[in-house]
Each structure stands twice: as structure tokens, then as C-alpha cells.
Amino acid sequence: MNPLQKNIYTLTRNFLILSLFVCIVLIQRTYDKIEHPHILFTTETRYILPASVVKNLSFGFKNSIADLYWVKAIQDFSIWDGRDPFYVKEYENIATLDPKFSYPYLLAILTFTSTAVNNKNADPHILETIEPLIQKGMKNLPDNWEIPFYLGTGFQLTKNTEKALYYLSIASSNKDAPEIIHKVYATHLKNTISGKSASGKDLVKAIYDTTTSETTKKMLEEGIKIDILKETLETISRDFKKKYGVYPSSLNDLTSRKILQVGQDFKNEFDITFNRYTGEVTVKAK
């Protein structure tokens, strides 16, 4: 193939990919209008084309379309309310189009776990809604120990010890799993059997120490930072009660007495609420 033919081929291919993407966007928008023409944005229910339809519309460009859904899923996490099923369907479409693409399975577990733990309005069992999808990922990528380990960690953080141990055992039995995974699982199993508290922090640290994904590291760093801040504020809250007889009801109770000094950047970054009856502190990233 001479240079001219290569250029023509490249331009034709790019045009087809772009045309396909525009076609899918137009179909999606038309589909949305048919399903909910008069719903306000604040209460809008999103509709995603079924995976089988997207697959049939891919015209051989499955990986490219999967990449587009992958980027969209990352962007949509910030606007997802923790209940709308559209977000689950985005990951279902990715898995259908590119079943051996491992990162979406891992990010799905992290985002759904984070939502279940940190979003009070979210479905507390939201992680179970993607469990069948993650199981498909485990089947398509049998040598990948990270998928069952992440899922086991997610279930531990959402207080489902039985499922946590099940998936952690699968990860630990994988011959390619690092030694730290075997040790963490053994310790976790021992603590569970003996009745000791197993918070899942050791599992999160194991993920952080073994992941090669910068996206995963960034998410975990954010979670670890929030966890440390929560523990620190609850310690201050208990000290506050010892001195004043009541727990603080807001961050202002601490700053006005110069017990804690924080800048505006801190207030812009975190949403912090105090339970004045129990001393419990809730910390969320804005």
C-alpha cells in the first residue's frame, strides 16, 4: 500500500468512526426524548441504549466505542446520585463491547464502593447491582487477581463479610497474586474467625501498594485522606466534650474557640458535619 492509499485508508477509517459516534449520540438523544420528554433536569432519569443494541451498532469498532463509554463513565461519576441505573448500564456496555478490558471492572468496583460508603442517599446495596457484571469480568479475565480482590475489599467496606471473604479467597488462590495479597487474606480470615474487628483498611492499603493505575491511586489517596481527617476530627470532638460537656455541632464550634484553624481552601474542599449527640463526624469531598 503506497502512502497515498494509506492516507485515504486512514481518513476513511476516521470518518467512519466519527460518523458512527455521531450516529449513536443522535440515536441516544432521540431515545431520551421518546422516554422522558417533559422531565426537568433536576429529576431527570437517564436512559442508556441496551448493550445488545450498542454492540450491533458498533460496525466492527467495538473497542473504539468501548473507549468512549469508558471516558463517559469517568465523567459521569461526579453527577451520579448513587441510585439512577444509567451508571450501571454504562459499565455493562463497556463489558459487552470490550470484555477483556480490565480497568473498567476495577473502576466500577471502586466508584460503587465509594458511593455506598460515602453517599447517604445512595442504595446501600449498590455494589451488589454490579456483582453479576464483575463476575463476567472474572470469567473473561481468569488470571486477573485484582478484580476479585477489589470486589472482596468493596464488600468488606460495605459490611458484607461473607461475600468479602469469598472473593478475597478467590484472589488469594490466584497463582499470579503478590505475596502481600496472600498475607492480607490470611490475616483478614483469622481476624474474622476470632471475632476481631476487620475494617478493610488493610485491604485498601494492599490495593494501593499493588496497583499500577494512577486513577486508582488517586481515588484511594482521596479516600485515605478523608478517613484520616474523620478520625482526627472525632478525636477533637471527644476532647471538646470533655472540656465543654457537649460535642461540637459544627466546624465553627472548633474554629471560633481556636481549637482548630482551617483556611477557606479546606472549607471549599470538604463538606463536614458533626453529630452533636454522638460525636460522630461525616466527611465528604465536595
Protein backbone atom coordinates (compact mmCIF):
# COMPACT_ATOMS: atom_id res chain seq x y z
CA MET A 1 0.00 0.00 0.00
CA ASN A 2 1.57 3.30 -1.11
CA PRO A 3 1.50 6.49 1.06
CA LEU A 4 -1.50 7.94 -0.78
CA GLN A 5 -3.53 4.78 -0.27
CA LYS A 6 -2.56 4.73 3.42
CA ASN A 7 -3.73 8.32 3.86
CA ILE A 8 -7.00 7.58 2.11
CA TYR A 9 -7.49 4.49 4.28
CA THR A 10 -6.76 6.42 7.48
CA LEU A 11 -9.10 9.28 6.58
CA THR A 12 -11.85 6.84 5.62
CA ARG A 13 -11.47 4.90 8.86
CA ASN A 14 -11.51 8.05 10.99
CA PHE A 15 -14.54 9.35 9.14
CA LEU A 16 -16.40 6.09 9.74
CA ILE A 17 -15.56 6.12 13.46
CA LEU A 18 -16.67 9.74 13.80
CA SER A 19 -19.84 9.08 11.81
CA LEU A 20 -20.62 6.07 13.97
CA PHE A 21 -20.16 8.05 17.16
CA VAL A 22 -22.40 10.87 15.89
CA CYS A 23 -24.99 8.27 14.87
CA ILE A 24 -25.03 6.70 18.34
CA VAL A 25 -25.26 10.11 20.03
CA LEU A 26 -28.22 11.07 17.82
CA ILE A 27 -29.95 7.76 18.49
CA GLN A 28 -29.33 8.17 22.22
CA ARG A 29 -30.77 11.69 22.23
CA THR A 30 -33.81 10.58 20.24
CA TYR A 31 -34.29 7.66 22.62
CA ASP A 32 -34.13 10.02 25.61
CA LYS A 33 -36.74 12.34 24.11
CA ILE A 34 -39.13 9.48 23.49
CA GLU A 35 -38.78 8.13 27.03
CA HIS A 36 -38.98 11.35 29.09
CA PRO A 37 -39.86 14.47 27.08
CA HIS A 38 -41.09 16.64 30.00
CA ILE A 39 -38.89 15.78 32.96
CA LEU A 40 -36.86 18.60 34.49
CA PHE A 41 -33.09 18.23 34.62
CA THR A 42 -33.03 18.04 38.43
CA THR A 43 -35.17 14.89 38.43
CA GLU A 44 -34.18 13.53 35.06
CA THR A 45 -33.89 9.80 34.59
CA ARG A 46 -31.19 8.93 32.09
CA TYR A 47 -31.66 6.19 29.55
CA ILE A 48 -28.78 4.27 28.03
CA LEU A 49 -29.06 2.15 24.91
CA PRO A 50 -29.03 -1.55 25.86
CA ALA A 51 -25.69 -3.29 25.48
CA SER A 52 -27.05 -5.61 22.78
CA VAL A 53 -28.16 -2.63 20.68
CA VAL A 54 -24.84 -0.82 21.06
CA LYS A 55 -22.99 -4.00 20.13
CA ASN A 56 -24.99 -4.36 16.91
CA LEU A 57 -24.40 -0.70 16.06
CA SER A 58 -20.64 -0.90 16.53
CA PHE A 59 -19.95 -1.99 12.93
CA GLY A 60 -16.65 -3.59 13.92
CA PHE A 61 -15.42 -0.67 16.02
CA LYS A 62 -16.21 -2.26 19.39
CA ASN A 63 -13.01 -1.21 21.13
CA SER A 64 -13.34 2.41 19.99
CA ILE A 65 -16.94 2.66 21.19
CA ALA A 66 -16.00 0.95 24.47
CA ASP A 67 -13.30 3.61 24.97
CA LEU A 68 -15.90 6.35 24.50
CA TYR A 69 -18.18 4.79 27.10
CA TRP A 70 -15.16 4.38 29.40
CA VAL A 71 -14.37 8.10 29.23
CA LYS A 72 -18.05 8.93 29.70
CA ALA A 73 -18.31 6.70 32.78
CA ILE A 74 -15.39 8.52 34.41
CA GLN A 75 -17.01 11.90 33.70
CA ASP A 76 -20.50 10.84 34.82
CA PHE A 77 -19.34 9.64 38.25
CA SER A 78 -19.37 13.24 39.51
CA ILE A 79 -23.09 13.68 38.67
CA TRP A 80 -24.35 10.21 39.61
CA ASP A 81 -26.76 10.19 42.57
CA GLY A 82 -25.98 6.63 43.66
CA ARG A 83 -29.35 5.26 42.56
CA ASP A 84 -30.00 6.01 38.90
CA PRO A 85 -29.36 2.74 36.98
CA PHE A 86 -27.90 4.56 33.96
CA TYR A 87 -24.42 4.37 35.50
CA VAL A 88 -24.55 0.60 35.81
CA LYS A 89 -25.59 0.32 32.18
CA GLU A 90 -22.58 2.33 31.02
CA TYR A 91 -20.29 -0.31 32.50
CA GLU A 92 -22.44 -3.08 31.06
CA ASN A 93 -21.96 -1.57 27.61
CA ILE A 94 -18.19 -1.38 28.09
CA ALA A 95 -18.03 -5.02 29.19
CA THR A 96 -20.16 -6.12 26.24
CA LEU A 97 -18.06 -4.26 23.69
CA ASP A 98 -14.64 -5.00 25.20
CA PRO A 99 -14.99 -7.84 27.77
CA LYS A 100 -11.23 -8.18 28.35
CA PHE A 101 -10.67 -4.50 29.22
CA SER A 102 -9.82 -4.83 32.93
CA TYR A 103 -9.72 -1.22 34.16
CA PRO A 104 -13.49 -0.57 33.85
CA TYR A 105 -14.22 -3.54 36.11
CA LEU A 106 -11.80 -2.20 38.72
CA LEU A 107 -13.02 1.38 38.50
CA ALA A 108 -16.63 0.22 38.69
CA ILE A 109 -15.89 -1.55 41.98
CA LEU A 110 -14.08 1.49 43.39
CA THR A 111 -16.74 4.01 42.38
CA PHE A 112 -19.68 1.91 43.53
CA THR A 113 -17.95 1.12 46.83
CA SER A 114 -17.10 4.78 47.40
CA THR A 115 -20.70 5.76 46.68
CA ALA A 116 -22.13 3.11 49.02
CA VAL A 117 -19.83 4.21 51.85
CA ASN A 118 -19.87 8.00 51.44
CA ASN A 119 -23.24 8.88 49.87
CA LYS A 120 -26.06 8.68 52.43
CA ASN A 121 -28.66 8.92 49.65
CA ALA A 122 -27.21 6.00 47.71
CA ASP A 123 -28.60 2.49 47.68
CA PRO A 124 -26.57 0.75 50.44
CA HIS A 125 -26.61 -2.44 48.37
CA ILE A 126 -25.48 -0.72 45.18
CA LEU A 127 -22.33 -2.86 44.97
CA GLU A 128 -24.48 -5.96 44.57
CA THR A 129 -26.07 -4.48 41.44
CA ILE A 130 -22.77 -4.72 39.57
CA GLU A 131 -21.71 -8.05 41.10
CA PRO A 132 -23.00 -10.06 38.07
CA LEU A 133 -21.06 -7.76 35.75
CA ILE A 134 -17.87 -8.16 37.79
CA GLN A 135 -18.34 -11.93 37.77
CA LYS A 136 -18.34 -11.76 33.97
CA GLY A 137 -15.08 -9.85 34.17
CA MET A 138 -13.61 -12.59 36.37
CA LYS A 139 -14.71 -15.17 33.82
CA ASN A 140 -13.29 -13.22 30.87
CA LEU A 141 -10.03 -12.50 32.73
CA PRO A 142 -9.43 -15.62 34.86
CA ASP A 143 -5.77 -14.77 35.51
CA ASN A 144 -6.58 -11.32 36.90
CA TRP A 145 -6.39 -11.43 40.72
CA GLU A 146 -7.17 -7.72 41.12
CA ILE A 147 -10.84 -7.98 40.11
CA PRO A 148 -11.89 -10.44 42.87
CA PHE A 149 -9.60 -8.71 45.39
CA TYR A 150 -11.13 -5.28 44.71
CA LEU A 151 -14.64 -6.75 44.89
CA GLY A 152 -13.85 -8.52 48.16
CA THR A 153 -12.49 -5.28 49.58
CA GLY A 154 -15.62 -3.45 48.45
CA PHE A 155 -17.88 -5.93 50.21
CA GLN A 156 -15.79 -5.69 53.38
CA LEU A 157 -16.08 -1.90 53.38
CA THR A 158 -19.85 -2.21 52.89
CA LYS A 159 -20.10 -4.68 55.80
CA ASN A 160 -20.80 -7.85 53.82
CA THR A 161 -18.18 -10.11 55.42
CA GLU A 162 -19.42 -13.34 53.84
CA LYS A 163 -19.06 -12.09 50.27
CA ALA A 164 -15.85 -10.28 51.17
CA LEU A 165 -14.14 -13.48 52.29
CA TYR A 166 -15.49 -15.38 49.28
CA TYR A 167 -13.93 -13.03 46.73
CA LEU A 168 -10.76 -12.48 48.75
CA SER A 169 -10.22 -16.25 48.80
CA ILE A 170 -10.54 -16.34 45.01
CA ALA A 171 -7.95 -13.57 44.69
CA SER A 172 -5.60 -15.27 47.15
CA SER A 173 -5.80 -18.58 45.30
CA ASN A 174 -4.63 -16.93 42.06
CA LYS A 175 -1.06 -18.02 41.32
CA ASP A 176 -0.18 -14.56 39.98
CA ALA A 177 -1.30 -12.69 43.11
CA PRO A 178 1.55 -10.93 45.00
CA GLU A 179 2.63 -12.34 48.36
CA ILE A 180 1.06 -9.39 50.17
CA ILE A 181 -2.38 -10.48 48.94
CA HIS A 182 -1.97 -13.96 50.45
CA LYS A 183 -0.81 -12.47 53.77
CA VAL A 184 -3.59 -9.90 53.91
CA TYR A 185 -6.25 -12.53 53.19
CA ALA A 186 -4.83 -14.91 55.81
CA THR A 187 -4.80 -12.15 58.44
CA HIS A 188 -8.27 -10.99 57.46
CA LEU A 189 -9.66 -14.51 57.69
CA LYS A 190 -8.03 -15.06 61.08
CA ASN A 191 -9.42 -11.80 62.47
CA THR A 192 -12.90 -12.59 61.17
CA ILE A 193 -12.92 -16.08 62.69
CA SER A 194 -11.63 -14.80 66.04
CA GLY A 195 -14.25 -12.05 66.11
CA LYS A 196 -11.79 -9.19 65.89
CA SER A 197 -12.80 -6.06 64.03
CA ALA A 198 -11.87 -6.11 60.35
CA SER A 199 -12.35 -2.61 58.94
CA GLY A 200 -10.95 -3.21 55.48
CA LYS A 201 -8.14 -0.66 55.84
CA ASP A 202 -5.51 -3.35 55.38
CA LEU A 203 -7.22 -4.38 52.14
CA VAL A 204 -7.30 -0.82 50.83
CA LYS A 205 -3.60 -0.43 51.61
CA ALA A 206 -2.87 -3.67 49.73
CA ILE A 207 -4.68 -2.33 46.67
CA TYR A 208 -2.77 0.95 46.90
CA ASP A 209 0.58 -0.85 47.21
CA THR A 210 -0.02 -3.15 44.23
CA THR A 211 -1.97 -1.09 41.69
CA THR A 212 -0.28 0.35 38.60
CA SER A 213 -3.23 2.61 37.77
CA GLU A 214 -2.75 6.28 38.60
CA THR A 215 -6.54 6.72 38.55
CA THR A 216 -6.90 4.05 41.22
CA LYS A 217 -4.10 5.55 43.32
CA LYS A 218 -5.70 8.99 43.16
CA MET A 219 -9.08 7.65 44.27
CA LEU A 220 -7.54 5.71 47.15
CA GLU A 221 -5.42 8.67 48.24
CA GLU A 222 -8.59 10.76 48.42
CA GLY A 223 -10.33 8.07 50.47
CA ILE A 224 -7.37 7.65 52.83
CA LYS A 225 -7.15 11.43 53.31
CA ILE A 226 -10.85 11.60 54.21
CA ASP A 227 -10.52 8.64 56.59
CA ILE A 228 -7.60 10.25 58.44
CA LEU A 229 -9.43 13.59 58.63
CA LYS A 230 -12.54 11.88 60.02
CA GLU A 231 -10.55 10.10 62.75
CA THR A 232 -8.73 13.32 63.67
CA LEU A 233 -11.94 15.36 63.94
CA GLU A 234 -13.66 12.68 66.02
CA THR A 235 -10.72 12.71 68.44
CA ILE A 236 -11.00 16.51 68.69
CA SER A 237 -14.78 16.13 69.13
CA ARG A 238 -14.30 13.80 72.13
CA ASP A 239 -11.77 16.20 73.69
CA PHE A 240 -14.25 19.04 73.11
CA LYS A 241 -16.93 17.16 75.07
CA LYS A 242 -14.57 16.53 77.97
CA LYS A 243 -13.90 20.25 78.22
CA TYR A 244 -17.32 21.75 77.43
CA GLY A 245 -19.71 18.92 78.31
CA VAL A 246 -21.20 18.64 74.80
CA TYR A 247 -20.00 17.56 71.38
CA PRO A 248 -19.41 20.26 68.75
CA SER A 249 -22.31 20.80 66.36
CA SER A 250 -20.28 22.35 63.56
CA LEU A 251 -16.77 23.15 62.42
CA ASN A 252 -17.37 26.70 63.60
CA ASP A 253 -17.57 25.48 67.22
CA LEU A 254 -13.94 24.40 66.89
CA THR A 255 -12.60 27.33 64.88
CA SER A 256 -14.32 30.02 66.98
CA ARG A 257 -12.61 28.67 70.10
CA LYS A 258 -9.33 28.40 68.19
CA ILE A 259 -9.21 24.65 68.84
CA LEU A 260 -8.79 24.15 65.11
CA GLN A 261 -7.64 26.57 62.44
CA VAL A 262 -8.58 25.93 58.81
CA GLY A 263 -8.42 28.05 55.70
CA GLN A 264 -11.09 28.72 53.10
CA ASP A 265 -9.48 26.18 50.76
CA PHE A 266 -10.14 23.50 53.36
CA LYS A 267 -13.79 24.54 53.67
CA ASN A 268 -14.14 24.54 49.88
CA GLU A 269 -12.66 21.04 49.62
CA PHE A 270 -14.62 19.21 52.32
CA ASP A 271 -18.21 19.03 53.50
CA ILE A 272 -18.05 18.24 57.23
CA THR A 273 -20.98 17.54 59.57
CA PHE A 274 -20.90 16.83 63.31
CA ASN A 275 -23.42 14.74 65.23
CA ARG A 276 -23.81 16.73 68.44
CA TYR A 277 -25.35 13.74 70.22
CA THR A 278 -22.77 11.05 69.42
CA GLY A 279 -19.66 12.97 68.38
CA GLU A 280 -19.57 11.17 65.04
CA VAL A 281 -18.14 13.17 62.16
CA THR A 282 -19.04 12.78 58.48
CA VAL A 283 -16.51 13.97 55.91
CA LYS A 284 -17.18 14.21 52.19
CA ALA A 285 -15.17 15.68 49.36
CA LYS A 286 -17.07 18.45 47.57
